[in-house]
Amino acid sequence: MSINIKPLADRVLVEPAPAETTTASGLIIPDSAKEKPLQGKVIAVGNGTKDNPITVKEGDTVLYGKYAGTELSFEGNDYLIMRESDIFAII
């Protein structure tokens, strides 16, 4: 995927995974009850800082905190931009 957003320093651009629409038993979850996804795919990364090089790379699936990052919409898609330190793990 080619996107014209280049994060600066230790920031990472993440595309959140879609929220679950049904439960394991098949019940449909209404929009008001859907939880914000806590994982996503890394779309772009910054260059890092002198003291902290970036460890995630484009294409990684990551776990992040519930309130991590800043939401933004670009060309009809929703993204989060966050510091690498807001990412808990690569899965």
C-alpha atoms as a PDB file:
ATOM      1  CA  MET A   1       0.000   0.000   0.000  1.00  0.00           C
ATOM      2  CA  SER A   2       1.400   3.367  -0.964  1.00  0.00           C
ATOM      3  CA  ILE A   3       0.481   6.281   1.256  1.00  0.00           C
ATOM      4  CA  ASN A   4       1.798   9.835   1.211  1.00  0.00           C
ATOM      5  CA  ILE A   5       2.170  10.189   4.986  1.00  0.00           C
ATOM      6  CA  LYS A   6       5.702   9.928   6.399  1.00  0.00           C
ATOM      7  CA  PRO A   7       5.847   9.943  10.222  1.00  0.00           C
ATOM      8  CA  LEU A   8       8.658  11.932  11.812  1.00  0.00           C
ATOM      9  CA  ALA A   9      11.200  10.811  14.431  1.00  0.00           C
ATOM     10  CA  ASP A  10       9.881   7.905  16.561  1.00  0.00           C
ATOM     11  CA  ARG A  11       6.299   7.989  15.300  1.00  0.00           C
ATOM     12  CA  VAL A  12       4.469   5.124  13.594  1.00  0.00           C
ATOM     13  CA  LEU A  13       1.390   5.160  11.347  1.00  0.00           C
ATOM     14  CA  VAL A  14      -0.944   2.249  12.141  1.00  0.00           C
ATOM     15  CA  GLU A  15      -4.105   1.077  10.385  1.00  0.00           C
ATOM     16  CA  PRO A  16      -6.371  -0.310  13.146  1.00  0.00           C
ATOM     17  CA  ALA A  17      -7.854  -3.761  12.652  1.00  0.00           C
ATOM     18  CA  PRO A  18     -11.617  -3.700  12.038  1.00  0.00           C
ATOM     19  CA  ALA A  19     -13.812  -4.023  15.137  1.00  0.00           C
ATOM     20  CA  GLU A  20     -15.568  -7.333  15.718  1.00  0.00           C
ATOM     21  CA  THR A  21     -19.106  -7.299  14.309  1.00  0.00           C
ATOM     22  CA  THR A  22     -20.344 -10.610  15.760  1.00  0.00           C
ATOM     23  CA  THR A  23     -19.670 -12.655  18.877  1.00  0.00           C
ATOM     24  CA  ALA A  24     -18.351 -16.217  18.840  1.00  0.00           C
ATOM     25  CA  SER A  25     -21.930 -17.453  19.207  1.00  0.00           C
ATOM     26  CA  GLY A  26     -23.120 -15.389  16.229  1.00  0.00           C
ATOM     27  CA  LEU A  27     -24.781 -12.436  17.950  1.00  0.00           C
ATOM     28  CA  ILE A  28     -24.429  -9.147  16.068  1.00  0.00           C
ATOM     29  CA  ILE A  29     -22.714  -6.397  18.065  1.00  0.00           C
ATOM     30  CA  PRO A  30     -24.299  -2.945  17.580  1.00  0.00           C
ATOM     31  CA  ASP A  31     -22.026   0.011  16.732  1.00  0.00           C
ATOM     32  CA  SER A  32     -22.595   1.577  20.157  1.00  0.00           C
ATOM     33  CA  ALA A  33     -21.228  -1.528  21.931  1.00  0.00           C
ATOM     34  CA  LYS A  34     -18.204  -2.207  19.714  1.00  0.00           C
ATOM     35  CA  GLU A  35     -14.870  -1.910  21.432  1.00  0.00           C
ATOM     36  CA  LYS A  36     -12.033  -0.009  19.848  1.00  0.00           C
ATOM     37  CA  PRO A  37      -9.536  -2.509  18.358  1.00  0.00           C
ATOM     38  CA  LEU A  38      -6.200  -2.729  20.159  1.00  0.00           C
ATOM     39  CA  GLN A  39      -4.164  -4.086  17.279  1.00  0.00           C
ATOM     40  CA  GLY A  40      -3.332  -2.941  13.806  1.00  0.00           C
ATOM     41  CA  LYS A  41      -0.943  -3.069  10.877  1.00  0.00           C
ATOM     42  CA  VAL A  42       2.050  -0.725  10.622  1.00  0.00           C
ATOM     43  CA  ILE A  43       1.721   1.327   7.425  1.00  0.00           C
ATOM     44  CA  ALA A  44       4.690   3.717   7.755  1.00  0.00           C
ATOM     45  CA  VAL A  45       7.467   4.437  10.262  1.00  0.00           C
ATOM     46  CA  GLY A  46       9.666   7.430  11.020  1.00  0.00           C
ATOM     47  CA  ASN A  47      13.454   7.374  11.027  1.00  0.00           C
ATOM     48  CA  GLY A  48      13.746   7.129  14.803  1.00  0.00           C
ATOM     49  CA  THR A  49      15.912   9.314  16.999  1.00  0.00           C
ATOM     50  CA  LYS A  50      19.626   9.223  17.692  1.00  0.00           C
ATOM     51  CA  ASP A  51      19.025   7.580  21.071  1.00  0.00           C
ATOM     52  CA  ASN A  52      16.066   5.363  20.081  1.00  0.00           C
ATOM     53  CA  PRO A  53      16.106   3.658  16.675  1.00  0.00           C
ATOM     54  CA  ILE A  54      12.784   2.304  15.360  1.00  0.00           C
ATOM     55  CA  THR A  55      12.314  -1.448  15.930  1.00  0.00           C
ATOM     56  CA  VAL A  56       8.981  -1.996  14.131  1.00  0.00           C
ATOM     57  CA  LYS A  57       8.776  -2.094  10.342  1.00  0.00           C
ATOM     58  CA  GLU A  58       6.092  -1.638   7.722  1.00  0.00           C
ATOM     59  CA  GLY A  59       3.744  -4.614   7.567  1.00  0.00           C
ATOM     60  CA  ASP A  60       4.144  -5.648  11.227  1.00  0.00           C
ATOM     61  CA  THR A  61       0.976  -6.362  13.205  1.00  0.00           C
ATOM     62  CA  VAL A  62       1.227  -4.629  16.578  1.00  0.00           C
ATOM     63  CA  LEU A  63      -0.649  -4.366  19.882  1.00  0.00           C
ATOM     64  CA  TYR A  64      -1.078  -0.913  21.410  1.00  0.00           C
ATOM     65  CA  GLY A  65      -2.817   0.753  24.350  1.00  0.00           C
ATOM     66  CA  LYS A  66      -6.504   1.623  24.434  1.00  0.00           C
ATOM     67  CA  TYR A  67      -5.897   5.385  24.343  1.00  0.00           C
ATOM     68  CA  ALA A  68      -2.697   5.339  22.272  1.00  0.00           C
ATOM     69  CA  GLY A  69      -2.145   7.607  19.320  1.00  0.00           C
ATOM     70  CA  THR A  70      -4.048  10.287  17.503  1.00  0.00           C
ATOM     71  CA  GLU A  71      -6.832   9.311  15.116  1.00  0.00           C
ATOM     72  CA  LEU A  72      -6.752  10.695  11.588  1.00  0.00           C
ATOM     73  CA  SER A  73      -8.582  10.083   8.335  1.00  0.00           C
ATOM     74  CA  PHE A  74      -6.742  10.209   5.014  1.00  0.00           C
ATOM     75  CA  GLU A  75      -8.284   9.444   1.632  1.00  0.00           C
ATOM     76  CA  GLY A  76     -11.275   7.744   3.257  1.00  0.00           C
ATOM     77  CA  ASN A  77      -9.243   5.440   5.531  1.00  0.00           C
ATOM     78  CA  ASP A  78      -8.814   5.715   9.305  1.00  0.00           C
ATOM     79  CA  TYR A  79      -5.346   5.588  10.844  1.00  0.00           C
ATOM     80  CA  LEU A  80      -3.606   6.150  14.164  1.00  0.00           C
ATOM     81  CA  ILE A  81      -0.297   7.950  14.480  1.00  0.00           C
ATOM     82  CA  MET A  82       1.569   7.185  17.687  1.00  0.00           C
ATOM     83  CA  ARG A  83       4.980   7.062  19.251  1.00  0.00           C
ATOM     84  CA  GLU A  84       6.730   3.728  19.049  1.00  0.00           C
ATOM     85  CA  SER A  85       6.776   3.625  22.858  1.00  0.00           C
ATOM     86  CA  ASP A  86       2.933   3.359  22.780  1.00  0.00           C
ATOM     87  CA  ILE A  87       3.270  -0.035  21.052  1.00  0.00           C
ATOM     88  CA  PHE A  88       3.313  -2.973  23.457  1.00  0.00           C
ATOM     89  CA  ALA A  89       4.210  -5.884  21.179  1.00  0.00           C
ATOM     90  CA  ILE A  90       4.657  -7.163  17.646  1.00  0.00           C
ATOM     91  CA  ILE A  91       2.490 -10.201  16.889  1.00  0.00           C
END
